[in-house]
Amino acid sequence: MLGAPLILAATMAWQVEKDGSPADYSANIHRFERTQPIYCAVAGIALPAGASLEIRLYRGNTLAKTERRRAVAGNQWYPVLLADANKLPEGTYRVEIYLEGQLVKTNQFEVRASR
């Protein structure tokens, strides 16, 4: 029997593997260069087939992007490309992860060029 559905992680990364797991990241990324792509790799555990995942990207309090996915049964990574390189202006951002309409994870990061 599978355990309760869970979003185990929402890892910010510069790149993802073929299976959707984060490939190029460090723990608790909080700053991206404008020249880097920005991914959020979401780890779902024991999700039922068809479960609703929603990933929202905010710049300040303004919704900038929404991605919706349907889960496959079991454990899987769900990679979301939030922005290609040079697509987000400098600023502070927040990512919210929803499972079946309930907020389950939040990450914050900033886009800022090295000075």
Protein backbone atom coordinates (compact mmCIF):
# COMPACT_ATOMS: atom_id res chain seq x y z
CA MET A 1 0.00 0.00 0.00
CA LEU A 2 1.31 3.46 -0.87
CA GLY A 3 1.66 6.11 1.82
CA ALA A 4 -0.17 9.41 1.86
CA PRO A 5 0.40 11.64 -1.18
CA LEU A 6 3.18 14.12 -0.52
CA ILE A 7 5.22 16.79 -2.26
CA LEU A 8 8.58 15.94 -0.76
CA ALA A 9 10.66 18.69 -2.36
CA ALA A 10 10.53 21.66 -4.69
CA THR A 11 14.18 22.13 -5.60
CA MET A 12 15.36 25.17 -7.52
CA ALA A 13 17.93 24.28 -10.18
CA TRP A 14 19.77 25.50 -13.28
CA GLN A 15 19.27 22.19 -15.09
CA VAL A 16 17.29 18.94 -14.75
CA GLU A 17 18.05 15.30 -15.61
CA LYS A 18 16.02 13.24 -18.10
CA ASP A 19 13.93 11.88 -15.21
CA GLY A 20 13.12 15.46 -14.11
CA SER A 21 15.32 15.43 -11.02
CA PRO A 22 17.54 18.47 -10.39
CA ALA A 23 20.92 18.10 -12.13
CA ASP A 24 22.78 21.33 -11.55
CA TYR A 25 21.88 22.87 -8.23
CA SER A 26 23.08 23.51 -4.73
CA ALA A 27 21.04 23.28 -1.56
CA ASN A 28 18.80 26.25 -0.97
CA ILE A 29 19.52 28.24 -4.14
CA HIS A 30 18.37 31.75 -3.46
CA ARG A 31 19.98 33.69 -6.32
CA PHE A 32 20.16 33.12 -10.05
CA GLU A 33 22.13 35.04 -12.65
CA ARG A 34 20.04 36.47 -15.48
CA THR A 35 22.03 34.25 -17.86
CA GLN A 36 20.87 31.01 -16.16
CA PRO A 37 17.70 29.07 -16.89
CA ILE A 38 15.54 28.57 -13.80
CA TYR A 39 13.80 25.29 -13.00
CA CYS A 40 11.73 24.09 -10.11
CA ALA A 41 11.95 20.28 -9.79
CA VAL A 42 8.99 19.01 -7.75
CA ALA A 43 9.26 15.57 -6.11
CA GLY A 44 5.91 13.81 -5.75
CA ILE A 45 5.65 10.77 -3.48
CA ALA A 46 2.73 8.31 -3.61
CA LEU A 47 0.67 10.62 -5.81
CA PRO A 48 -2.48 9.09 -7.29
CA ALA A 49 -2.80 9.07 -11.07
CA GLY A 50 -4.39 12.29 -12.27
CA ALA A 51 -3.70 14.30 -9.10
CA SER A 52 -3.58 18.01 -9.85
CA LEU A 53 -0.25 19.85 -9.48
CA GLU A 54 -0.04 23.59 -9.97
CA ILE A 55 3.16 25.64 -9.90
CA ARG A 56 2.81 29.42 -9.65
CA LEU A 57 5.61 31.92 -10.14
CA TYR A 58 5.22 35.39 -8.64
CA ARG A 59 7.36 38.49 -9.03
CA GLY A 60 6.62 40.35 -5.83
CA ASN A 61 2.86 39.89 -5.48
CA THR A 62 2.19 39.70 -9.24
CA LEU A 63 1.49 36.30 -10.79
CA ALA A 64 4.01 35.86 -13.62
CA LYS A 65 3.42 32.24 -14.72
CA THR A 66 1.26 29.21 -13.93
CA GLU A 67 2.01 25.60 -14.92
CA ARG A 68 -0.46 22.76 -14.40
CA ARG A 69 0.37 19.07 -14.47
CA ARG A 70 -1.46 15.81 -13.88
CA ALA A 71 0.43 13.31 -11.77
CA VAL A 72 1.24 9.77 -12.72
CA ALA A 73 0.72 7.14 -10.03
CA GLY A 74 3.57 6.72 -7.58
CA ASN A 75 6.82 8.61 -7.11
CA GLN A 76 8.11 10.99 -9.75
CA TRP A 77 9.89 14.27 -10.38
CA TYR A 78 7.92 17.00 -12.16
CA PRO A 79 10.33 19.54 -13.67
CA VAL A 80 9.03 23.00 -14.51
CA LEU A 81 11.04 25.47 -16.56
CA LEU A 82 10.16 28.77 -14.91
CA ALA A 83 12.26 30.85 -17.30
CA ASP A 84 14.86 30.47 -20.03
CA ALA A 85 18.14 32.33 -19.63
CA ASN A 86 17.78 36.11 -19.87
CA LYS A 87 13.97 35.96 -19.67
CA LEU A 88 13.32 37.18 -16.12
CA PRO A 89 14.15 40.72 -15.07
CA GLU A 90 16.15 41.23 -11.92
CA GLY A 91 13.99 41.05 -8.84
CA THR A 92 12.59 38.87 -6.10
CA TYR A 93 10.42 35.87 -6.96
CA ARG A 94 8.31 33.28 -5.17
CA VAL A 95 7.27 29.82 -6.34
CA GLU A 96 4.19 28.19 -4.85
CA ILE A 97 3.41 24.48 -5.29
CA TYR A 98 -0.19 23.29 -4.98
CA LEU A 99 -1.37 19.68 -4.73
CA GLU A 100 -5.11 19.24 -5.34
CA GLY A 101 -5.59 22.97 -4.78
CA GLN A 102 -3.77 23.07 -1.43
CA LEU A 103 -0.56 25.08 -1.01
CA VAL A 104 2.15 22.58 0.04
CA LYS A 105 5.53 24.22 -0.68
CA THR A 106 6.92 27.71 -1.20
CA ASN A 107 10.37 28.78 -2.42
CA GLN A 108 11.81 32.25 -2.76
CA PHE A 109 14.68 33.34 -4.98
CA GLU A 110 16.08 36.37 -6.66
CA VAL A 111 17.43 37.09 -10.10
CA ARG A 112 20.43 39.38 -9.90
CA ALA A 113 23.53 39.85 -12.01
CA SER A 114 26.92 39.55 -10.33
CA ARG A 115 28.41 42.93 -9.75
